[in-house]
Amino acid sequence: MEFSSKLLENAVNEMSQLPGIGKRTALRLVLHMLRQPKEHTNALTEALSTMRHQVKFCKSCNNISDVELCEICSNPNRNEEIICVVEDIRDVMAIENTSSFKGLYHVLGGKISPMDGIGPHDLNIETLVNKVKEGKVKELIFALSSTMEGDTTNFYIYRQIQDYNVFTSTIARGISVGDELEYADEITLGRSIVNRIPFENSLKI
């Protein structure tokens, strides 16, 4: 792809590093921004810069937040005895959209994947195990995607906390095997949370 401007080329190259954005799409987006009033582009760049420098991760659940403790963890109406274990922030958003879960979350930040060089110590697993050790958690809901990596991560965490007095469950398999949680429709995902099953039962399937 030939560019008449080095500035344009640099902008396209940076934009094309975003997930799902190829060079042609990046070019279309950059040209669109060039056609907009400068204040629109300035507002976008300022919002991204402010987010990058000021965004925080909740000290309790690792969710993205503007303050140290996110709105979910600081909400007194949430059930602190139930924790839903998810892969990333998008899964929190997906489950919250169902209005079917009133407990708290724990964001792992990924899944165990030896092929990608991601091990247990690369994820927020130790802090989750510590929560269980404190004795306040009565149930852990495993809500990771129905993939080999997701199942491996569920089983690893289960082995770490199986000696403690905590009930473990997993979302019902209304979610197709191999599907990512964020792409499930709200009704199916909501029913999967409500109709969750004991984790031990999932090991026999």
Protein backbone atom coordinates (compact mmCIF):
# COMPACT_ATOMS: atom_id res chain seq x y z
CA MET A 1 0.00 0.00 0.00
CA GLU A 2 1.55 3.27 -1.16
CA PHE A 3 1.02 6.46 0.86
CA SER A 4 1.40 10.04 -0.29
CA SER A 5 2.13 11.14 3.27
CA LYS A 6 4.42 9.66 5.88
CA LEU A 7 2.14 11.09 8.59
CA LEU A 8 -0.81 9.27 7.06
CA GLU A 9 1.19 6.05 6.80
CA ASN A 10 2.24 6.25 10.46
CA ALA A 11 -1.36 6.83 11.57
CA VAL A 12 -2.59 3.86 9.50
CA ASN A 13 0.16 1.61 10.84
CA GLU A 14 -0.76 2.46 14.43
CA MET A 15 -4.48 2.03 13.81
CA SER A 16 -3.96 -1.34 12.10
CA GLN A 17 -2.44 -2.75 15.29
CA LEU A 18 -5.89 -2.78 16.87
CA PRO A 19 -7.63 -6.21 16.98
CA GLY A 20 -9.63 -6.95 13.84
CA ILE A 21 -8.38 -3.84 12.04
CA GLY A 22 -6.49 -4.47 8.80
CA LYS A 23 -4.60 -1.87 6.75
CA ARG A 24 -7.59 -1.06 4.51
CA THR A 25 -9.96 -0.59 7.44
CA ALA A 26 -7.33 1.46 9.25
CA LEU A 27 -6.94 3.69 6.21
CA ARG A 28 -10.70 4.19 6.00
CA LEU A 29 -10.88 5.15 9.69
CA VAL A 30 -7.94 7.55 9.46
CA LEU A 31 -9.35 9.24 6.36
CA HIS A 32 -12.71 9.54 8.12
CA MET A 33 -11.03 11.32 11.05
CA LEU A 34 -9.25 13.66 8.63
CA ARG A 35 -12.63 14.70 7.23
CA GLN A 36 -14.00 15.49 10.69
CA PRO A 37 -13.56 18.83 12.47
CA LYS A 38 -10.27 18.92 14.37
CA GLU A 39 -12.05 19.22 17.72
CA HIS A 40 -13.65 15.79 17.14
CA THR A 41 -10.27 14.16 16.62
CA ASN A 42 -8.83 16.08 19.57
CA ALA A 43 -11.68 14.84 21.78
CA LEU A 44 -10.96 11.23 20.74
CA THR A 45 -7.22 11.44 21.34
CA GLU A 46 -7.77 13.21 24.68
CA ALA A 47 -10.27 10.56 25.82
CA LEU A 48 -7.87 7.74 24.90
CA SER A 49 -4.90 9.46 26.53
CA THR A 50 -6.83 10.24 29.72
CA MET A 51 -8.12 6.67 29.93
CA ARG A 52 -4.65 5.20 29.43
CA HIS A 53 -3.06 7.34 32.14
CA GLN A 54 -5.84 7.51 34.72
CA VAL A 55 -7.75 4.22 34.48
CA LYS A 56 -7.38 1.89 37.45
CA PHE A 57 -7.97 -1.77 38.16
CA CYS A 58 -10.21 -2.56 41.13
CA LYS A 59 -8.04 -3.66 44.04
CA SER A 60 -10.54 -6.36 44.91
CA CYS A 61 -11.75 -7.92 41.63
CA ASN A 62 -9.35 -6.49 38.97
CA ASN A 63 -12.22 -4.94 37.00
CA ILE A 64 -11.53 -1.65 35.20
CA SER A 65 -12.51 1.29 37.37
CA ASP A 66 -12.09 5.03 37.81
CA VAL A 67 -11.40 4.54 41.53
CA GLU A 68 -9.59 1.95 43.66
CA LEU A 69 -12.76 -0.06 44.38
CA CYS A 70 -15.12 -0.51 41.44
CA GLU A 71 -18.85 0.25 41.60
CA ILE A 72 -19.76 -3.44 41.80
CA CYS A 73 -17.45 -4.27 44.71
CA SER A 74 -18.46 -1.12 46.60
CA ASN A 75 -22.18 -1.77 46.15
CA PRO A 76 -23.62 -2.86 49.54
CA ASN A 77 -26.48 -4.65 47.80
CA ARG A 78 -24.18 -7.19 46.14
CA ASN A 79 -23.76 -10.64 47.72
CA GLU A 80 -20.14 -10.85 48.88
CA GLU A 81 -20.39 -14.59 49.54
CA ILE A 82 -20.69 -15.47 45.82
CA ILE A 83 -17.87 -14.74 43.37
CA CYS A 84 -18.15 -15.24 39.63
CA VAL A 85 -14.75 -16.02 38.09
CA VAL A 86 -14.35 -14.60 34.57
CA GLU A 87 -11.58 -14.22 32.04
CA ASP A 88 -11.69 -10.47 31.38
CA ILE A 89 -13.65 -7.25 31.71
CA ARG A 90 -15.82 -7.98 28.66
CA ASP A 91 -17.25 -11.01 30.46
CA VAL A 92 -18.21 -8.87 33.47
CA MET A 93 -20.06 -6.53 31.12
CA ALA A 94 -21.80 -9.44 29.37
CA ILE A 95 -23.03 -10.99 32.63
CA GLU A 96 -24.07 -7.64 34.10
CA ASN A 97 -26.21 -7.03 31.01
CA THR A 98 -28.27 -10.11 31.92
CA SER A 99 -29.27 -8.66 35.34
CA SER A 100 -29.21 -12.28 36.58
CA PHE A 101 -26.23 -12.12 38.93
CA LYS A 102 -26.05 -10.16 42.19
CA GLY A 103 -22.75 -11.39 43.57
CA LEU A 104 -19.20 -10.14 42.99
CA TYR A 105 -16.65 -10.90 40.29
CA HIS A 106 -13.02 -11.88 40.03
CA VAL A 107 -11.28 -11.07 36.74
CA LEU A 108 -8.41 -13.46 36.01
CA GLY A 109 -6.97 -11.46 33.12
CA GLY A 110 -6.82 -14.44 30.77
CA LYS A 111 -6.79 -18.25 30.70
CA ILE A 112 -4.05 -20.80 31.24
CA SER A 113 -2.61 -21.51 27.80
CA PRO A 114 0.79 -23.26 27.62
CA MET A 115 0.78 -22.84 23.81
CA ASP A 116 0.73 -19.07 24.32
CA GLY A 117 3.16 -19.16 27.22
CA ILE A 118 0.48 -18.22 29.77
CA GLY A 119 0.75 -20.06 33.07
CA PRO A 120 -1.15 -19.81 36.38
CA HIS A 121 1.27 -17.23 37.76
CA ASP A 122 0.53 -14.90 34.84
CA LEU A 123 -3.10 -14.63 35.96
CA ASN A 124 -4.88 -13.21 39.02
CA ILE A 125 -5.35 -16.64 40.58
CA GLU A 126 -3.38 -16.24 43.80
CA THR A 127 -5.55 -13.31 44.96
CA LEU A 128 -8.67 -15.40 44.28
CA VAL A 129 -7.32 -18.32 46.33
CA ASN A 130 -6.53 -15.87 49.15
CA LYS A 131 -10.15 -14.67 49.15
CA VAL A 132 -11.30 -18.27 49.57
CA LYS A 133 -8.79 -18.86 52.37
CA GLU A 134 -10.27 -15.92 54.30
CA GLY A 135 -13.48 -17.94 54.66
CA LYS A 136 -15.97 -15.27 53.56
CA VAL A 137 -16.66 -16.81 50.15
CA LYS A 138 -19.38 -19.48 50.09
CA GLU A 139 -19.53 -20.16 46.34
CA LEU A 140 -17.26 -19.75 43.33
CA ILE A 141 -18.95 -19.72 39.92
CA PHE A 142 -16.63 -20.64 37.07
CA ALA A 143 -17.79 -18.58 34.09
CA LEU A 144 -14.91 -19.00 31.69
CA SER A 145 -15.41 -19.79 28.02
CA SER A 146 -16.16 -23.41 27.13
CA THR A 147 -12.75 -24.05 25.59
CA MET A 148 -9.88 -26.36 26.49
CA GLU A 149 -8.01 -23.39 27.99
CA GLY A 150 -11.08 -22.34 29.97
CA ASP A 151 -11.65 -25.86 31.32
CA THR A 152 -7.96 -26.18 32.21
CA THR A 153 -8.09 -22.91 34.15
CA ASN A 154 -11.28 -23.94 35.96
CA PHE A 155 -9.73 -27.26 37.00
CA TYR A 156 -6.49 -25.63 38.17
CA ILE A 157 -8.37 -23.19 40.42
CA TYR A 158 -10.62 -26.00 41.66
CA ARG A 159 -7.56 -28.00 42.75
CA GLN A 160 -6.19 -24.97 44.59
CA ILE A 161 -9.32 -24.41 46.69
CA GLN A 162 -10.86 -27.88 47.00
CA ASP A 163 -9.65 -28.30 50.59
CA TYR A 164 -11.54 -25.21 51.73
CA ASN A 165 -15.19 -24.93 52.65
CA VAL A 166 -16.43 -23.36 49.42
CA PHE A 167 -19.01 -24.61 46.92
CA THR A 168 -17.89 -24.54 43.29
CA SER A 169 -20.25 -24.35 40.34
CA THR A 170 -19.99 -23.68 36.64
CA ILE A 171 -22.38 -21.99 34.27
CA ALA A 172 -24.77 -24.37 32.52
CA ARG A 173 -23.72 -25.51 29.07
CA GLY A 174 -26.31 -23.40 27.35
CA ILE A 175 -23.13 -21.79 26.06
CA SER A 176 -21.86 -23.83 23.13
CA VAL A 177 -18.53 -25.58 23.58
CA GLY A 178 -15.79 -23.43 22.11
CA ASP A 179 -17.81 -20.21 22.33
CA GLU A 180 -16.49 -17.04 23.93
CA LEU A 181 -18.70 -15.75 26.73
CA GLU A 182 -18.94 -12.19 25.41
CA TYR A 183 -20.66 -13.34 22.20
CA ALA A 184 -23.47 -15.23 23.93
CA ASP A 185 -26.91 -13.64 23.81
CA GLU A 186 -28.15 -12.17 27.09
CA ILE A 187 -31.03 -14.64 27.59
CA THR A 188 -28.82 -17.72 27.12
CA LEU A 189 -26.07 -16.28 29.31
CA GLY A 190 -28.55 -15.27 32.00
CA ARG A 191 -30.05 -18.76 32.10
CA SER A 192 -26.58 -20.29 32.27
CA ILE A 193 -25.83 -18.24 35.39
CA VAL A 194 -29.17 -18.99 37.06
CA ASN A 195 -29.04 -22.73 36.16
CA ARG A 196 -25.41 -23.25 37.10
CA ILE A 197 -24.34 -26.75 38.14
CA PRO A 198 -21.82 -28.10 40.69
CA PHE A 199 -18.35 -27.97 39.17
CA GLU A 200 -17.68 -31.61 40.10
CA ASN A 201 -20.57 -32.63 37.83
CA SER A 202 -18.95 -30.88 34.88
CA LEU A 203 -15.86 -33.06 35.27
CA LYS A 204 -17.98 -36.13 34.51
CA ILE A 205 -19.47 -34.74 31.27
